[in-house]
Amino acid sequence: MFLSFLKIGCLLLGGGYVIVPLLRSELIEKNNWINEEDIVNFYALGQCVPGIIAINTTLFVGYKLRGKTGALAAFFGLILPPFLAIIFLASILIKLAQNVIANDIFWGVNVAIIILLFLTVKEVWKNSIVDKFTFFIFLGILLMSIFGISPSISIVLSAISGILYKKITKPNKADEISGGGE
């Protein structure tokens, strides 16, 4: 698991928003460890808790796969490459910023990040907007962001809406077991 997250850490340029396609490739397509719904759920949770999205998501995935040990292995695998790169690059950062070839490389990486962001949106959309209600939530949050309403308020209202919707549309488990109280 450590090596899989080490690979992801080497490729994770652009922050937490590009982790979904990398997780999908490494954890679903190559290793078949989790499913797409898990990735989207862990990614959503990673955004909702304080901290870095990529690390939060990685901790949730690692914990699901191997508990606390898995969370630590995934965490250290993910952060080792950027940690080493920062230590290495810090000494040459000023010269690197003035280097034309390095600037061209960074420009190319920025283009790749746009594609990875698009793939993340596509993946999250496919697993999140699944019916009229979730599309309604999407439109509501989109309008809230257009009108400058705090993302925190959007998250809280979405959570409350989801809870209320599930309470209204799904029967209580106690009712299902007893046959609805008939």
N, C-alpha and C. Protein backbone atom coordinates (compact mmCIF):
# COMPACT_ATOMS: atom_id res chain seq x y z
N MET A 1 0.83 -1.18 0.00
CA MET A 1 0.00 0.00 0.00
C MET A 1 0.88 1.25 0.00
N PHE A 2 1.95 1.22 0.79
CA PHE A 2 2.87 2.35 0.85
C PHE A 2 3.38 2.70 -0.54
N LEU A 3 3.78 1.70 -1.32
CA LEU A 3 4.33 1.94 -2.66
C LEU A 3 3.28 2.52 -3.60
N SER A 4 2.04 2.08 -3.47
CA SER A 4 0.98 2.64 -4.31
C SER A 4 0.78 4.12 -4.02
N PHE A 5 0.76 4.47 -2.74
CA PHE A 5 0.59 5.88 -2.39
C PHE A 5 1.85 6.69 -2.66
N LEU A 6 3.00 6.04 -2.65
CA LEU A 6 4.25 6.70 -3.04
C LEU A 6 4.17 7.11 -4.52
N LYS A 7 3.65 6.21 -5.36
CA LYS A 7 3.46 6.54 -6.79
C LYS A 7 2.51 7.73 -6.93
N ILE A 8 1.41 7.70 -6.19
CA ILE A 8 0.44 8.80 -6.26
C ILE A 8 1.10 10.09 -5.80
N GLY A 9 1.89 10.02 -4.73
CA GLY A 9 2.58 11.20 -4.22
C GLY A 9 3.55 11.79 -5.23
N CYS A 10 4.17 10.93 -6.05
CA CYS A 10 5.08 11.41 -7.09
C CYS A 10 4.34 12.15 -8.21
N LEU A 11 3.11 11.77 -8.44
CA LEU A 11 2.33 12.35 -9.54
C LEU A 11 1.36 13.44 -9.10
N LEU A 12 1.20 13.64 -7.83
CA LEU A 12 0.18 14.55 -7.30
C LEU A 12 0.64 16.00 -7.39
N LEU A 13 0.63 16.52 -8.60
CA LEU A 13 0.95 17.92 -8.83
C LEU A 13 -0.37 18.68 -8.97
N GLY A 14 -0.52 19.76 -8.27
CA GLY A 14 -1.74 20.55 -8.38
C GLY A 14 -2.64 20.44 -7.17
N GLY A 15 -2.25 19.70 -6.17
CA GLY A 15 -3.02 19.65 -4.94
C GLY A 15 -4.08 18.58 -4.92
N GLY A 16 -4.92 18.66 -3.90
CA GLY A 16 -5.91 17.63 -3.62
C GLY A 16 -6.97 17.45 -4.67
N TYR A 17 -7.19 18.46 -5.49
CA TYR A 17 -8.27 18.36 -6.47
C TYR A 17 -7.95 17.40 -7.60
N VAL A 18 -6.70 17.03 -7.75
CA VAL A 18 -6.34 16.12 -8.83
C VAL A 18 -6.10 14.70 -8.34
N ILE A 19 -6.40 14.43 -7.09
CA ILE A 19 -6.10 13.10 -6.54
C ILE A 19 -7.09 12.03 -7.02
N VAL A 20 -8.30 12.41 -7.36
CA VAL A 20 -9.31 11.41 -7.71
C VAL A 20 -8.90 10.55 -8.90
N PRO A 21 -8.46 11.13 -10.04
CA PRO A 21 -8.05 10.25 -11.14
C PRO A 21 -6.84 9.38 -10.78
N LEU A 22 -5.94 9.91 -9.96
CA LEU A 22 -4.77 9.13 -9.56
C LEU A 22 -5.18 7.97 -8.65
N LEU A 23 -6.08 8.22 -7.70
CA LEU A 23 -6.58 7.15 -6.84
C LEU A 23 -7.32 6.11 -7.66
N ARG A 24 -8.12 6.57 -8.58
CA ARG A 24 -8.90 5.65 -9.42
C ARG A 24 -7.96 4.72 -10.20
N SER A 25 -6.94 5.30 -10.80
CA SER A 25 -6.00 4.50 -11.59
C SER A 25 -5.27 3.49 -10.72
N GLU A 26 -4.74 3.93 -9.60
CA GLU A 26 -3.90 3.06 -8.76
C GLU A 26 -4.71 2.08 -7.92
N LEU A 27 -5.80 2.55 -7.33
CA LEU A 27 -6.51 1.72 -6.35
C LEU A 27 -7.65 0.89 -6.94
N ILE A 28 -8.24 1.36 -8.03
CA ILE A 28 -9.34 0.59 -8.64
C ILE A 28 -8.82 -0.21 -9.83
N GLU A 29 -8.24 0.50 -10.80
CA GLU A 29 -7.85 -0.17 -12.04
C GLU A 29 -6.67 -1.12 -11.87
N LYS A 30 -5.65 -0.71 -11.11
CA LYS A 30 -4.46 -1.56 -10.97
C LYS A 30 -4.59 -2.58 -9.85
N ASN A 31 -5.16 -2.19 -8.72
CA ASN A 31 -5.16 -3.09 -7.55
C ASN A 31 -6.54 -3.60 -7.14
N ASN A 32 -7.60 -2.98 -7.62
CA ASN A 32 -8.97 -3.39 -7.28
C ASN A 32 -9.19 -3.46 -5.77
N TRP A 33 -8.69 -2.45 -5.05
CA TRP A 33 -8.80 -2.43 -3.59
C TRP A 33 -10.10 -1.79 -3.10
N ILE A 34 -10.58 -0.78 -3.80
CA ILE A 34 -11.82 -0.10 -3.42
C ILE A 34 -12.62 0.18 -4.68
N ASN A 35 -13.82 0.73 -4.51
CA ASN A 35 -14.64 1.05 -5.68
C ASN A 35 -14.75 2.56 -5.88
N GLU A 36 -15.36 2.96 -6.98
CA GLU A 36 -15.46 4.38 -7.31
C GLU A 36 -16.27 5.16 -6.28
N GLU A 37 -17.31 4.55 -5.76
CA GLU A 37 -18.13 5.21 -4.76
C GLU A 37 -17.31 5.52 -3.51
N ASP A 38 -16.44 4.59 -3.11
CA ASP A 38 -15.56 4.84 -1.96
C ASP A 38 -14.68 6.06 -2.20
N ILE A 39 -14.07 6.13 -3.38
CA ILE A 39 -13.18 7.26 -3.68
C ILE A 39 -13.93 8.58 -3.58
N VAL A 40 -15.10 8.63 -4.20
CA VAL A 40 -15.88 9.88 -4.17
C VAL A 40 -16.30 10.22 -2.75
N ASN A 41 -16.72 9.22 -1.99
CA ASN A 41 -17.12 9.48 -0.60
C ASN A 41 -15.95 9.95 0.25
N PHE A 42 -14.80 9.30 0.11
CA PHE A 42 -13.63 9.71 0.89
C PHE A 42 -13.13 11.08 0.46
N TYR A 43 -13.23 11.38 -0.82
CA TYR A 43 -12.84 12.69 -1.33
C TYR A 43 -13.76 13.77 -0.75
N ALA A 44 -15.06 13.49 -0.73
CA ALA A 44 -16.02 14.45 -0.16
C ALA A 44 -15.74 14.65 1.33
N LEU A 45 -15.49 13.57 2.04
CA LEU A 45 -15.15 13.68 3.46
C LEU A 45 -13.85 14.47 3.65
N GLY A 46 -12.88 14.21 2.78
CA GLY A 46 -11.60 14.90 2.84
C GLY A 46 -11.74 16.41 2.69
N GLN A 47 -12.75 16.83 1.93
CA GLN A 47 -13.00 18.26 1.76
C GLN A 47 -13.72 18.86 2.96
N CYS A 48 -14.45 18.06 3.67
CA CYS A 48 -15.29 18.56 4.76
C CYS A 48 -14.57 18.69 6.10
N VAL A 49 -13.45 18.01 6.25
CA VAL A 49 -12.72 18.09 7.51
C VAL A 49 -11.53 19.02 7.33
N PRO A 50 -11.08 19.64 8.41
CA PRO A 50 -9.93 20.54 8.29
C PRO A 50 -8.69 19.80 7.82
N GLY A 51 -7.89 20.47 7.02
CA GLY A 51 -6.64 19.88 6.55
C GLY A 51 -6.55 19.85 5.04
N ILE A 52 -5.52 19.21 4.57
CA ILE A 52 -5.24 19.13 3.14
C ILE A 52 -6.08 18.00 2.55
N ILE A 53 -6.82 18.31 1.49
CA ILE A 53 -7.77 17.37 0.90
C ILE A 53 -7.09 16.05 0.52
N ALA A 54 -5.96 16.13 -0.15
CA ALA A 54 -5.28 14.90 -0.60
C ALA A 54 -4.87 14.03 0.58
N ILE A 55 -4.36 14.65 1.62
CA ILE A 55 -3.94 13.88 2.80
C ILE A 55 -5.16 13.31 3.52
N ASN A 56 -6.19 14.12 3.69
CA ASN A 56 -7.41 13.63 4.35
C ASN A 56 -7.99 12.44 3.60
N THR A 57 -8.10 12.57 2.28
CA THR A 57 -8.65 11.49 1.45
C THR A 57 -7.80 10.24 1.58
N THR A 58 -6.48 10.42 1.53
CA THR A 58 -5.55 9.31 1.66
C THR A 58 -5.70 8.61 3.00
N LEU A 59 -5.85 9.38 4.06
CA LEU A 59 -6.03 8.78 5.39
C LEU A 59 -7.30 7.94 5.45
N PHE A 60 -8.40 8.44 4.87
CA PHE A 60 -9.65 7.67 4.87
C PHE A 60 -9.51 6.38 4.08
N VAL A 61 -8.87 6.46 2.91
CA VAL A 61 -8.68 5.26 2.08
C VAL A 61 -7.80 4.24 2.81
N GLY A 62 -6.67 4.72 3.32
CA GLY A 62 -5.74 3.82 4.04
C GLY A 62 -6.40 3.17 5.23
N TYR A 63 -7.21 3.95 5.96
CA TYR A 63 -7.90 3.41 7.14
C TYR A 63 -8.89 2.33 6.73
N LYS A 64 -9.61 2.56 5.62
CA LYS A 64 -10.56 1.54 5.18
C LYS A 64 -9.83 0.25 4.79
N LEU A 65 -8.68 0.38 4.15
CA LEU A 65 -7.98 -0.80 3.67
C LEU A 65 -7.26 -1.58 4.76
N ARG A 66 -6.61 -0.87 5.72
CA ARG A 66 -5.81 -1.57 6.72
C ARG A 66 -5.85 -0.92 8.10
N GLY A 67 -6.90 -0.18 8.40
CA GLY A 67 -7.02 0.44 9.71
C GLY A 67 -5.97 1.53 9.93
N LYS A 68 -5.54 1.68 11.18
CA LYS A 68 -4.59 2.75 11.53
C LYS A 68 -3.25 2.56 10.82
N THR A 69 -2.81 1.34 10.72
CA THR A 69 -1.54 1.06 10.03
C THR A 69 -1.64 1.45 8.55
N GLY A 70 -2.77 1.13 7.94
CA GLY A 70 -2.98 1.50 6.53
C GLY A 70 -3.03 3.01 6.34
N ALA A 71 -3.69 3.70 7.29
CA ALA A 71 -3.75 5.15 7.20
C ALA A 71 -2.35 5.76 7.28
N LEU A 72 -1.53 5.24 8.18
CA LEU A 72 -0.16 5.75 8.31
C LEU A 72 0.68 5.42 7.08
N ALA A 73 0.56 4.20 6.57
CA ALA A 73 1.33 3.81 5.38
C ALA A 73 0.94 4.68 4.18
N ALA A 74 -0.36 4.88 4.00
CA ALA A 74 -0.84 5.72 2.89
C ALA A 74 -0.36 7.16 3.06
N PHE A 75 -0.46 7.68 4.27
CA PHE A 75 -0.04 9.05 4.58
C PHE A 75 1.43 9.26 4.26
N PHE A 76 2.30 8.38 4.78
CA PHE A 76 3.73 8.55 4.56
C PHE A 76 4.11 8.32 3.09
N GLY A 77 3.42 7.39 2.43
CA GLY A 77 3.67 7.19 1.00
C GLY A 77 3.32 8.43 0.20
N LEU A 78 2.22 9.07 0.55
CA LEU A 78 1.78 10.25 -0.19
C LEU A 78 2.68 11.45 0.05
N ILE A 79 3.10 11.67 1.29
CA ILE A 79 3.84 12.91 1.59
C ILE A 79 5.34 12.80 1.35
N LEU A 80 5.89 11.60 1.26
CA LEU A 80 7.34 11.47 1.10
C LEU A 80 7.88 12.15 -0.17
N PRO A 81 7.30 11.90 -1.35
CA PRO A 81 7.85 12.56 -2.55
C PRO A 81 7.82 14.09 -2.49
N PRO A 82 6.69 14.73 -2.15
CA PRO A 82 6.74 16.20 -2.09
C PRO A 82 7.67 16.72 -0.99
N PHE A 83 7.75 16.00 0.13
CA PHE A 83 8.64 16.41 1.21
C PHE A 83 10.09 16.42 0.72
N LEU A 84 10.50 15.34 0.07
CA LEU A 84 11.86 15.27 -0.44
C LEU A 84 12.09 16.30 -1.55
N ALA A 85 11.08 16.49 -2.40
CA ALA A 85 11.21 17.48 -3.48
C ALA A 85 11.37 18.89 -2.91
N ILE A 86 10.63 19.22 -1.88
CA ILE A 86 10.74 20.55 -1.28
C ILE A 86 12.12 20.75 -0.67
N ILE A 87 12.62 19.75 0.03
CA ILE A 87 13.95 19.85 0.62
C ILE A 87 15.00 20.03 -0.48
N PHE A 88 14.88 19.24 -1.54
CA PHE A 88 15.84 19.32 -2.64
C PHE A 88 15.72 20.66 -3.38
N LEU A 89 14.50 21.06 -3.69
CA LEU A 89 14.29 22.26 -4.50
C LEU A 89 14.49 23.56 -3.74
N ALA A 90 14.36 23.53 -2.43
CA ALA A 90 14.51 24.77 -1.66
C ALA A 90 15.87 25.40 -1.89
N SER A 91 16.88 24.58 -2.04
CA SER A 91 18.22 25.12 -2.22
C SER A 91 18.43 25.74 -3.60
N ILE A 92 17.68 25.31 -4.58
CA ILE A 92 17.87 25.84 -5.93
C ILE A 92 16.65 26.61 -6.44
N LEU A 93 15.71 26.93 -5.56
CA LEU A 93 14.45 27.54 -5.98
C LEU A 93 14.63 28.87 -6.70
N ILE A 94 15.50 29.72 -6.21
CA ILE A 94 15.70 31.03 -6.83
C ILE A 94 16.23 30.87 -8.24
N LYS A 95 17.24 30.01 -8.41
CA LYS A 95 17.79 29.78 -9.75
C LYS A 95 16.76 29.12 -10.65
N LEU A 96 15.97 28.21 -10.08
CA LEU A 96 14.95 27.51 -10.85
C LEU A 96 13.87 28.47 -11.36
N ALA A 97 13.48 29.43 -10.54
CA ALA A 97 12.45 30.39 -10.93
C ALA A 97 12.92 31.27 -12.08
N GLN A 98 14.23 31.45 -12.25
CA GLN A 98 14.78 32.29 -13.32
C GLN A 98 15.11 31.48 -14.57
N ASN A 99 15.01 30.16 -14.49
CA ASN A 99 15.36 29.30 -15.59
C ASN A 99 14.20 29.19 -16.58
N VAL A 100 14.47 29.51 -17.85
CA VAL A 100 13.44 29.49 -18.88
C VAL A 100 12.88 28.09 -19.08
N ILE A 101 13.72 27.09 -19.09
CA ILE A 101 13.27 25.71 -19.30
C ILE A 101 12.37 25.27 -18.14
N ALA A 102 12.77 25.60 -16.91
CA ALA A 102 11.95 25.25 -15.74
C ALA A 102 10.59 25.93 -15.82
N ASN A 103 10.54 27.18 -16.23
CA ASN A 103 9.26 27.88 -16.38
C ASN A 103 8.39 27.21 -17.44
N ASP A 104 9.01 26.76 -18.52
CA ASP A 104 8.26 26.04 -19.56
C ASP A 104 7.70 24.72 -19.02
N ILE A 105 8.50 24.04 -18.20
CA ILE A 105 8.04 22.79 -17.57
C ILE A 105 6.83 23.07 -16.68
N PHE A 106 6.93 24.11 -15.84
CA PHE A 106 5.82 24.44 -14.95
C PHE A 106 4.57 24.83 -15.74
N TRP A 107 4.75 25.51 -16.87
CA TRP A 107 3.61 25.86 -17.71
C TRP A 107 2.94 24.59 -18.23
N GLY A 108 3.75 23.64 -18.68
CA GLY A 108 3.20 22.37 -19.17
C GLY A 108 2.49 21.60 -18.07
N VAL A 109 3.05 21.60 -16.88
CA VAL A 109 2.42 20.92 -15.75
C VAL A 109 1.07 21.58 -15.43
N ASN A 110 1.00 22.90 -15.51
CA ASN A 110 -0.27 23.59 -15.26
C ASN A 110 -1.35 23.14 -16.24
N VAL A 111 -0.98 22.93 -17.50
CA VAL A 111 -1.94 22.44 -18.48
C VAL A 111 -2.42 21.04 -18.09
N ALA A 112 -1.50 20.19 -17.66
CA ALA A 112 -1.87 18.83 -17.23
C ALA A 112 -2.80 18.88 -16.02
N ILE A 113 -2.57 19.82 -15.13
CA ILE A 113 -3.41 19.95 -13.93
C ILE A 113 -4.84 20.29 -14.32
N ILE A 114 -5.02 21.13 -15.33
CA ILE A 114 -6.37 21.46 -15.79
C ILE A 114 -7.09 20.19 -16.23
N ILE A 115 -6.41 19.33 -16.96
CA ILE A 115 -7.03 18.08 -17.41
C ILE A 115 -7.37 17.19 -16.20
N LEU A 116 -6.46 17.10 -15.24
CA LEU A 116 -6.74 16.29 -14.04
C LEU A 116 -7.91 16.86 -13.24
N LEU A 117 -8.01 18.19 -13.18
CA LEU A 117 -9.17 18.79 -12.51
C LEU A 117 -10.46 18.43 -13.24
N PHE A 118 -10.43 18.48 -14.57
CA PHE A 118 -11.60 18.10 -15.36
C PHE A 118 -11.99 16.65 -15.08
N LEU A 119 -11.00 15.76 -15.03
CA LEU A 119 -11.28 14.34 -14.76
C LEU A 119 -11.86 14.15 -13.35
N THR A 120 -11.38 14.95 -12.39
CA THR A 120 -11.93 14.88 -11.03
C THR A 120 -13.38 15.30 -11.03
N VAL A 121 -13.69 16.42 -11.68
CA VAL A 121 -15.09 16.89 -11.74
C VAL A 121 -15.96 15.83 -12.42
N LYS A 122 -15.47 15.26 -13.51
CA LYS A 122 -16.23 14.22 -14.22
C LYS A 122 -16.51 13.03 -13.31
N GLU A 123 -15.49 12.59 -12.58
CA GLU A 123 -15.64 11.42 -11.70
C GLU A 123 -16.61 11.70 -10.55
N VAL A 124 -16.44 12.85 -9.92
CA VAL A 124 -17.31 13.21 -8.79
C VAL A 124 -18.73 13.43 -9.29
N TRP A 125 -18.89 14.07 -10.45
CA TRP A 125 -20.22 14.30 -11.03
C TRP A 125 -20.93 12.97 -11.26
N LYS A 126 -20.24 12.04 -11.89
CA LYS A 126 -20.83 10.74 -12.25
C LYS A 126 -21.35 9.99 -11.03
N ASN A 127 -20.66 10.12 -9.90
CA ASN A 127 -21.04 9.38 -8.71
C ASN A 127 -21.84 10.20 -7.71
N SER A 128 -22.03 11.48 -7.98
CA SER A 128 -22.73 12.33 -7.02
C SER A 128 -24.06 12.85 -7.54
N ILE A 129 -24.13 13.24 -8.80
CA ILE A 129 -25.37 13.75 -9.38
C ILE A 129 -26.09 12.56 -10.01
N VAL A 130 -26.91 11.91 -9.19
CA VAL A 130 -27.50 10.64 -9.63
C VAL A 130 -29.01 10.68 -9.79
N ASP A 131 -29.65 11.78 -9.36
CA ASP A 131 -31.09 11.88 -9.48
C ASP A 131 -31.49 13.36 -9.44
N LYS A 132 -32.80 13.62 -9.49
CA LYS A 132 -33.27 15.02 -9.49
C LYS A 132 -32.89 15.75 -8.21
N PHE A 133 -32.94 15.06 -7.08
CA PHE A 133 -32.62 15.72 -5.81
C PHE A 133 -31.17 16.17 -5.77
N THR A 134 -30.25 15.28 -6.16
CA THR A 134 -28.84 15.66 -6.12
C THR A 134 -28.53 16.76 -7.14
N PHE A 135 -29.24 16.75 -8.28
CA PHE A 135 -29.07 17.83 -9.25
C PHE A 135 -29.60 19.14 -8.67
N PHE A 136 -30.71 19.08 -7.93
CA PHE A 136 -31.27 20.27 -7.27
C PHE A 136 -30.27 20.82 -6.25
N ILE A 137 -29.64 19.95 -5.48
CA ILE A 137 -28.62 20.38 -4.51
C ILE A 137 -27.47 21.05 -5.26
N PHE A 138 -27.04 20.44 -6.36
CA PHE A 138 -25.96 21.02 -7.17
C PHE A 138 -26.33 22.43 -7.63
N LEU A 139 -27.51 22.59 -8.19
CA LEU A 139 -27.93 23.92 -8.66
C LEU A 139 -28.01 24.92 -7.51
N GLY A 140 -28.52 24.48 -6.37
CA GLY A 140 -28.60 25.38 -5.21
C GLY A 140 -27.22 25.85 -4.76
N ILE A 141 -26.28 24.93 -4.69
CA ILE A 141 -24.92 25.29 -4.27
C ILE A 141 -24.25 26.17 -5.32
N LEU A 142 -24.50 25.88 -6.59
CA LEU A 142 -23.95 26.72 -7.66
C LEU A 142 -24.45 28.16 -7.52
N LEU A 143 -25.75 28.30 -7.31
CA LEU A 143 -26.32 29.65 -7.12
C LEU A 143 -25.76 30.33 -5.87
N MET A 144 -25.61 29.56 -4.81
CA MET A 144 -25.05 30.13 -3.58
C MET A 144 -23.63 30.64 -3.82
N SER A 145 -22.84 29.88 -4.59
CA SER A 145 -21.47 30.32 -4.86
C SER A 145 -21.45 31.54 -5.77
N ILE A 146 -22.38 31.60 -6.73
CA ILE A 146 -22.46 32.77 -7.61
C ILE A 146 -22.78 34.02 -6.81
N PHE A 147 -23.65 33.89 -5.81
CA PHE A 147 -24.04 35.03 -4.99
C PHE A 147 -23.10 35.27 -3.80
N GLY A 148 -21.99 34.54 -3.75
CA GLY A 148 -20.96 34.80 -2.75
C GLY A 148 -21.27 34.29 -1.35
N ILE A 149 -22.16 33.30 -1.25
CA ILE A 149 -22.47 32.72 0.06
C ILE A 149 -21.34 31.78 0.46
N SER A 150 -20.98 31.81 1.71
CA SER A 150 -19.84 31.06 2.24
C SER A 150 -19.94 29.57 1.91
N PRO A 151 -18.82 28.96 1.48
CA PRO A 151 -18.81 27.51 1.26
C PRO A 151 -19.20 26.72 2.51
N SER A 152 -18.87 27.23 3.68
CA SER A 152 -19.24 26.54 4.93
C SER A 152 -20.75 26.42 5.05
N ILE A 153 -21.44 27.49 4.74
CA ILE A 153 -22.91 27.47 4.79
C ILE A 153 -23.44 26.49 3.75
N SER A 154 -22.84 26.48 2.57
CA SER A 154 -23.26 25.55 1.52
C SER A 154 -23.12 24.10 1.96
N ILE A 155 -22.00 23.78 2.61
CA ILE A 155 -21.77 22.41 3.07
C ILE A 155 -22.79 22.03 4.13
N VAL A 156 -23.02 22.92 5.09
CA VAL A 156 -23.97 22.63 6.17
C VAL A 156 -25.37 22.45 5.61
N LEU A 157 -25.80 23.34 4.71
CA LEU A 157 -27.14 23.22 4.12
C LEU A 157 -27.27 21.96 3.27
N SER A 158 -26.22 21.59 2.58
CA SER A 158 -26.25 20.35 1.79
C SER A 158 -26.38 19.13 2.70
N ALA A 159 -25.62 19.14 3.79
CA ALA A 159 -25.69 18.01 4.73
C ALA A 159 -27.08 17.90 5.34
N ILE A 160 -27.64 19.01 5.77
CA ILE A 160 -28.99 19.01 6.35
C ILE A 160 -30.01 18.54 5.31
N SER A 161 -29.88 19.04 4.07
CA SER A 161 -30.80 18.63 3.01
C SER A 161 -30.71 17.13 2.75
N GLY A 162 -29.49 16.60 2.72
CA GLY A 162 -29.31 15.16 2.50
C GLY A 162 -29.92 14.33 3.60
N ILE A 163 -29.72 14.76 4.83
CA ILE A 163 -30.28 14.03 5.98
C ILE A 163 -31.81 14.05 5.91
N LEU A 164 -32.37 15.23 5.69
CA LEU A 164 -33.84 15.34 5.63
C LEU A 164 -34.40 14.53 4.46
N TYR A 165 -33.75 14.59 3.32
CA TYR A 165 -34.21 13.85 2.15
C TYR A 165 -34.21 12.34 2.43
N LYS A 166 -33.14 11.84 3.01
CA LYS A 166 -33.07 10.41 3.31
C LYS A 166 -34.10 10.00 4.36
N LYS A 167 -34.33 10.88 5.35
CA LYS A 167 -35.35 10.57 6.38
C LYS A 167 -36.73 10.48 5.76
N ILE A 168 -37.01 11.36 4.79
CA ILE A 168 -38.33 11.41 4.18
C ILE A 168 -38.52 10.26 3.18
N THR A 169 -37.48 9.95 2.40
CA THR A 169 -37.64 8.99 1.32
C THR A 169 -37.33 7.55 1.71
N LYS A 170 -36.55 7.33 2.74
CA LYS A 170 -36.19 5.97 3.16
C LYS A 170 -36.95 5.62 4.43
N PRO A 171 -37.61 4.45 4.44
CA PRO A 171 -38.31 4.06 5.66
C PRO A 171 -37.32 3.76 6.79
N ASN A 172 -37.76 3.96 7.99
CA ASN A 172 -36.95 3.67 9.18
C ASN A 172 -36.66 2.17 9.22
N LYS A 173 -35.43 1.78 9.56
CA LYS A 173 -35.08 0.36 9.62
C LYS A 173 -35.95 -0.41 10.59
N ALA A 174 -36.36 0.23 11.68
CA ALA A 174 -37.24 -0.43 12.64
C ALA A 174 -38.59 -0.72 12.00
N ASP A 175 -39.06 0.21 11.13
CA ASP A 175 -40.33 0.00 10.44
C ASP A 175 -40.20 -1.15 9.43
N GLU A 176 -39.04 -1.22 8.73
CA GLU A 176 -38.84 -2.29 7.76
C GLU A 176 -38.86 -3.66 8.42
N ILE A 177 -38.22 -3.77 9.58
CA ILE A 177 -38.13 -5.05 10.29
C ILE A 177 -39.49 -5.46 10.82
N SER A 178 -40.24 -4.53 11.36
CA SER A 178 -41.53 -4.87 11.95
C SER A 178 -42.66 -4.88 10.92
N GLY A 179 -42.31 -4.56 9.67
CA GLY A 179 -43.35 -4.57 8.65
C GLY A 179 -44.12 -3.27 8.60
N GLY A 180 -43.52 -2.17 9.03
CA GLY A 180 -44.15 -0.87 8.94
C GLY A 180 -45.13 -0.62 10.07
N GLY A 181 -45.15 -1.40 11.09
CA GLY A 181 -46.03 -1.17 12.23
C GLY A 181 -47.45 -1.65 11.99
N GLU A 182 -47.65 -2.52 10.97
CA GLU A 182 -49.00 -3.00 10.68
C GLU A 182 -49.36 -4.20 11.51
